[in-house]
Amino acid sequence: MNATIEDLEAALRNVQDPEYPVSVLDMGLIRGLAVQGNTAQVRLTYTSMGCPCKEMIADDVRDALLCVQGVERVEVQEVFEPWTHRDLSRRAKRTLTELGVT
């Protein structure tokens, strides 16, 4: 059984940004998801080009996707698409506001 994009998204909802209790999906760091056979492909950006947590985030994304039934391999492509607060989901904005982050 092949994984679906929805399966990948569900797994990524459990991957938290290292600084805030917000998923990488809600932070807007995931720029693309695809499944080809048993391979999950993810395009991942960061809030800054010099993000000190790049490796940790990529590893967490990879580990989460490898837990999805039907995924045996994960390809993470780092893309440096400018990230802004507009990339945050409503859920992320609400959480960050509650934490006093503006």
N, C-alpha and C. Protein backbone atom coordinates (compact mmCIF):
# COMPACT_ATOMS: atom_id res chain seq x y z
N MET A 1 0.84 -1.18 0.00
CA MET A 1 0.00 0.00 0.00
C MET A 1 0.89 1.25 0.00
N ASN A 2 0.64 2.13 -0.93
CA ASN A 2 1.41 3.38 -1.01
C ASN A 2 0.85 4.42 -0.05
N ALA A 3 1.75 5.21 0.48
CA ALA A 3 1.35 6.31 1.34
C ALA A 3 0.73 7.42 0.49
N THR A 4 -0.06 8.25 1.12
CA THR A 4 -0.67 9.39 0.44
C THR A 4 -0.08 10.68 1.00
N ILE A 5 -0.34 11.77 0.32
CA ILE A 5 0.09 13.08 0.81
C ILE A 5 -0.54 13.34 2.19
N GLU A 6 -1.78 12.94 2.36
CA GLU A 6 -2.45 13.13 3.64
C GLU A 6 -1.74 12.36 4.75
N ASP A 7 -1.25 11.16 4.43
CA ASP A 7 -0.49 10.39 5.42
C ASP A 7 0.79 11.13 5.82
N LEU A 8 1.47 11.69 4.82
CA LEU A 8 2.70 12.43 5.09
C LEU A 8 2.41 13.66 5.94
N GLU A 9 1.35 14.38 5.58
CA GLU A 9 0.99 15.58 6.34
C GLU A 9 0.66 15.22 7.79
N ALA A 10 -0.06 14.13 7.99
CA ALA A 10 -0.42 13.71 9.35
C ALA A 10 0.84 13.42 10.17
N ALA A 11 1.82 12.79 9.57
CA ALA A 11 3.07 12.49 10.27
C ALA A 11 3.83 13.78 10.59
N LEU A 12 3.82 14.72 9.66
CA LEU A 12 4.56 15.96 9.86
C LEU A 12 3.90 16.89 10.88
N ARG A 13 2.62 16.67 11.16
CA ARG A 13 1.96 17.47 12.20
C ARG A 13 2.57 17.18 13.58
N ASN A 14 3.26 16.05 13.69
CA ASN A 14 3.90 15.68 14.96
C ASN A 14 5.34 16.16 15.06
N VAL A 15 5.86 16.77 14.00
CA VAL A 15 7.24 17.27 14.02
C VAL A 15 7.19 18.74 14.41
N GLN A 16 7.71 19.03 15.59
CA GLN A 16 7.66 20.39 16.12
C GLN A 16 8.88 21.20 15.69
N ASP A 17 8.65 22.48 15.49
CA ASP A 17 9.74 23.42 15.30
C ASP A 17 10.56 23.39 16.59
N PRO A 18 11.89 23.44 16.51
CA PRO A 18 12.71 23.36 17.72
C PRO A 18 12.51 24.52 18.69
N GLU A 19 12.06 25.67 18.21
CA GLU A 19 11.93 26.83 19.07
C GLU A 19 10.53 27.03 19.65
N TYR A 20 9.51 26.59 18.92
CA TYR A 20 8.13 26.84 19.33
C TYR A 20 7.31 25.56 19.23
N PRO A 21 6.26 25.42 20.03
CA PRO A 21 5.42 24.23 19.97
C PRO A 21 4.44 24.30 18.80
N VAL A 22 5.01 24.36 17.61
CA VAL A 22 4.24 24.47 16.37
C VAL A 22 4.84 23.48 15.37
N SER A 23 4.01 22.77 14.65
CA SER A 23 4.52 21.79 13.70
C SER A 23 5.22 22.48 12.52
N VAL A 24 6.11 21.73 11.89
CA VAL A 24 6.81 22.28 10.72
C VAL A 24 5.83 22.60 9.60
N LEU A 25 4.71 21.88 9.55
CA LEU A 25 3.68 22.20 8.56
C LEU A 25 3.06 23.56 8.86
N ASP A 26 2.66 23.76 10.12
CA ASP A 26 2.02 25.02 10.49
C ASP A 26 2.99 26.20 10.45
N MET A 27 4.28 25.94 10.62
CA MET A 27 5.28 26.99 10.50
C MET A 27 5.48 27.41 9.04
N GLY A 28 5.03 26.57 8.11
CA GLY A 28 5.20 26.89 6.70
C GLY A 28 6.56 26.48 6.16
N LEU A 29 7.21 25.55 6.84
CA LEU A 29 8.53 25.11 6.40
C LEU A 29 8.48 24.05 5.31
N ILE A 30 7.35 23.37 5.20
CA ILE A 30 7.20 22.34 4.17
C ILE A 30 6.69 23.02 2.91
N ARG A 31 7.49 22.97 1.87
CA ARG A 31 7.16 23.67 0.62
C ARG A 31 6.67 22.73 -0.47
N GLY A 32 6.69 21.44 -0.19
CA GLY A 32 6.17 20.49 -1.16
C GLY A 32 6.30 19.08 -0.65
N LEU A 33 5.32 18.25 -0.98
CA LEU A 33 5.33 16.84 -0.62
C LEU A 33 4.91 16.03 -1.83
N ALA A 34 5.54 14.88 -2.01
CA ALA A 34 5.16 13.98 -3.08
C ALA A 34 5.48 12.56 -2.64
N VAL A 35 4.80 11.61 -3.28
CA VAL A 35 5.08 10.20 -3.04
C VAL A 35 5.28 9.54 -4.40
N GLN A 36 6.39 8.84 -4.53
CA GLN A 36 6.64 8.05 -5.74
C GLN A 36 7.00 6.65 -5.29
N GLY A 37 6.06 5.74 -5.49
CA GLY A 37 6.27 4.37 -5.01
C GLY A 37 6.40 4.37 -3.50
N ASN A 38 7.54 3.88 -3.01
CA ASN A 38 7.75 3.83 -1.56
C ASN A 38 8.66 4.97 -1.07
N THR A 39 8.82 6.00 -1.91
CA THR A 39 9.67 7.13 -1.56
C THR A 39 8.84 8.38 -1.30
N ALA A 40 9.05 8.98 -0.13
CA ALA A 40 8.43 10.26 0.19
C ALA A 40 9.43 11.35 -0.17
N GLN A 41 8.95 12.36 -0.86
CA GLN A 41 9.79 13.48 -1.24
C GLN A 41 9.25 14.73 -0.57
N VAL A 42 10.15 15.48 0.05
CA VAL A 42 9.73 16.68 0.76
C VAL A 42 10.67 17.82 0.40
N ARG A 43 10.06 18.98 0.15
CA ARG A 43 10.82 20.21 -0.05
C ARG A 43 10.70 21.01 1.23
N LEU A 44 11.85 21.38 1.81
CA LEU A 44 11.91 21.96 3.14
C LEU A 44 12.70 23.26 3.11
N THR A 45 12.12 24.30 3.68
CA THR A 45 12.83 25.56 3.84
C THR A 45 12.94 25.87 5.32
N TYR A 46 13.60 26.97 5.63
CA TYR A 46 13.83 27.34 7.02
C TYR A 46 13.47 28.81 7.22
N THR A 47 13.33 29.21 8.46
CA THR A 47 12.97 30.60 8.73
C THR A 47 14.12 31.55 8.43
N SER A 48 15.34 31.02 8.39
CA SER A 48 16.49 31.83 7.99
C SER A 48 17.52 30.92 7.32
N MET A 49 18.31 31.50 6.44
CA MET A 49 19.31 30.70 5.73
C MET A 49 20.36 30.14 6.69
N GLY A 50 20.63 30.83 7.77
CA GLY A 50 21.63 30.38 8.73
C GLY A 50 21.04 29.62 9.90
N CYS A 51 19.89 29.02 9.71
CA CYS A 51 19.20 28.32 10.80
C CYS A 51 20.13 27.27 11.42
N PRO A 52 20.41 27.39 12.72
CA PRO A 52 21.31 26.44 13.36
C PRO A 52 20.69 25.05 13.57
N CYS A 53 19.39 24.95 13.33
CA CYS A 53 18.69 23.68 13.57
C CYS A 53 18.38 22.92 12.29
N LYS A 54 18.97 23.33 11.18
CA LYS A 54 18.65 22.70 9.89
C LYS A 54 18.75 21.18 9.92
N GLU A 55 19.86 20.67 10.40
CA GLU A 55 20.05 19.21 10.41
C GLU A 55 19.04 18.53 11.31
N MET A 56 18.77 19.11 12.47
CA MET A 56 17.82 18.51 13.40
C MET A 56 16.42 18.48 12.78
N ILE A 57 16.01 19.57 12.14
CA ILE A 57 14.68 19.60 11.52
C ILE A 57 14.60 18.57 10.41
N ALA A 58 15.60 18.54 9.54
CA ALA A 58 15.59 17.58 8.42
C ALA A 58 15.56 16.15 8.94
N ASP A 59 16.33 15.86 9.99
CA ASP A 59 16.33 14.51 10.57
C ASP A 59 14.98 14.17 11.16
N ASP A 60 14.35 15.12 11.87
CA ASP A 60 13.03 14.88 12.46
C ASP A 60 11.99 14.63 11.38
N VAL A 61 12.06 15.39 10.29
CA VAL A 61 11.14 15.21 9.16
C VAL A 61 11.34 13.82 8.56
N ARG A 62 12.57 13.47 8.32
CA ARG A 62 12.90 12.16 7.74
C ARG A 62 12.40 11.03 8.65
N ASP A 63 12.70 11.13 9.94
CA ASP A 63 12.29 10.08 10.88
C ASP A 63 10.77 9.93 10.92
N ALA A 64 10.05 11.05 10.93
CA ALA A 64 8.58 10.99 10.98
C ALA A 64 8.02 10.33 9.73
N LEU A 65 8.56 10.68 8.58
CA LEU A 65 8.04 10.13 7.33
C LEU A 65 8.37 8.66 7.17
N LEU A 66 9.49 8.22 7.72
CA LEU A 66 9.83 6.79 7.65
C LEU A 66 8.89 5.94 8.50
N CYS A 67 8.15 6.57 9.41
CA CYS A 67 7.17 5.84 10.22
C CYS A 67 5.83 5.66 9.51
N VAL A 68 5.67 6.32 8.38
CA VAL A 68 4.42 6.21 7.62
C VAL A 68 4.40 4.87 6.88
N GLN A 69 3.30 4.17 7.02
CA GLN A 69 3.17 2.88 6.34
C GLN A 69 3.31 3.08 4.83
N GLY A 70 4.16 2.28 4.22
CA GLY A 70 4.38 2.36 2.78
C GLY A 70 5.58 3.20 2.39
N VAL A 71 6.17 3.93 3.35
CA VAL A 71 7.35 4.75 3.06
C VAL A 71 8.60 4.00 3.51
N GLU A 72 9.48 3.75 2.58
CA GLU A 72 10.73 3.07 2.90
C GLU A 72 11.94 3.98 2.71
N ARG A 73 11.73 5.08 2.01
CA ARG A 73 12.83 5.99 1.72
C ARG A 73 12.29 7.41 1.73
N VAL A 74 13.11 8.36 2.20
CA VAL A 74 12.71 9.76 2.24
C VAL A 74 13.80 10.59 1.58
N GLU A 75 13.39 11.44 0.66
CA GLU A 75 14.30 12.39 0.03
C GLU A 75 13.92 13.78 0.52
N VAL A 76 14.85 14.44 1.22
CA VAL A 76 14.63 15.79 1.70
C VAL A 76 15.42 16.73 0.82
N GLN A 77 14.72 17.64 0.16
CA GLN A 77 15.38 18.66 -0.65
C GLN A 77 15.27 19.98 0.09
N GLU A 78 16.40 20.54 0.47
CA GLU A 78 16.40 21.84 1.11
C GLU A 78 16.28 22.92 0.05
N VAL A 79 15.29 23.78 0.21
CA VAL A 79 15.09 24.89 -0.71
C VAL A 79 15.13 26.17 0.10
N PHE A 80 15.72 27.18 -0.44
CA PHE A 80 15.82 28.43 0.29
C PHE A 80 14.87 29.45 -0.31
N GLU A 81 13.59 29.14 -0.09
CA GLU A 81 12.53 30.07 -0.48
C GLU A 81 12.31 30.98 0.70
N PRO A 82 12.30 32.27 0.48
CA PRO A 82 12.15 33.19 1.61
C PRO A 82 10.92 32.85 2.45
N TRP A 83 11.13 32.80 3.76
CA TRP A 83 10.06 32.52 4.71
C TRP A 83 9.66 33.83 5.38
N THR A 84 8.36 34.03 5.53
CA THR A 84 7.88 35.20 6.25
C THR A 84 6.75 34.76 7.18
N HIS A 85 6.31 35.66 8.03
CA HIS A 85 5.20 35.35 8.94
C HIS A 85 3.93 34.99 8.18
N ARG A 86 3.84 35.37 6.92
CA ARG A 86 2.65 35.02 6.12
C ARG A 86 2.56 33.52 5.85
N ASP A 87 3.66 32.81 6.04
CA ASP A 87 3.68 31.37 5.82
C ASP A 87 3.08 30.59 6.99
N LEU A 88 2.87 31.25 8.12
CA LEU A 88 2.30 30.60 9.29
C LEU A 88 0.83 30.28 9.07
N SER A 89 0.41 29.11 9.53
CA SER A 89 -1.01 28.77 9.48
C SER A 89 -1.74 29.54 10.57
N ARG A 90 -3.05 29.55 10.51
CA ARG A 90 -3.85 30.20 11.56
C ARG A 90 -3.55 29.59 12.93
N ARG A 91 -3.42 28.27 12.93
CA ARG A 91 -3.11 27.56 14.17
C ARG A 91 -1.78 28.04 14.75
N ALA A 92 -0.77 28.18 13.89
CA ALA A 92 0.54 28.65 14.35
C ALA A 92 0.46 30.08 14.86
N LYS A 93 -0.25 30.94 14.15
CA LYS A 93 -0.38 32.33 14.59
C LYS A 93 -1.05 32.40 15.95
N ARG A 94 -2.08 31.59 16.15
CA ARG A 94 -2.79 31.58 17.43
C ARG A 94 -1.87 31.11 18.55
N THR A 95 -1.13 30.04 18.32
CA THR A 95 -0.21 29.51 19.33
C THR A 95 0.88 30.53 19.66
N LEU A 96 1.46 31.13 18.64
CA LEU A 96 2.53 32.10 18.88
C LEU A 96 2.02 33.34 19.61
N THR A 97 0.80 33.75 19.28
CA THR A 97 0.20 34.89 19.99
C THR A 97 0.00 34.56 21.46
N GLU A 98 -0.49 33.34 21.74
CA GLU A 98 -0.69 32.91 23.12
C GLU A 98 0.62 32.88 23.90
N LEU A 99 1.73 32.62 23.19
CA LEU A 99 3.05 32.59 23.82
C LEU A 99 3.68 33.97 23.94
N GLY A 100 3.00 34.98 23.37
CA GLY A 100 3.52 36.32 23.45
C GLY A 100 4.51 36.67 22.34
N VAL A 101 4.57 35.83 21.32
CA VAL A 101 5.45 36.10 20.17
C VAL A 101 4.64 36.88 19.15
N THR A 102 5.17 38.02 18.73
CA THR A 102 4.44 38.82 17.76
C THR A 102 5.21 38.96 16.48
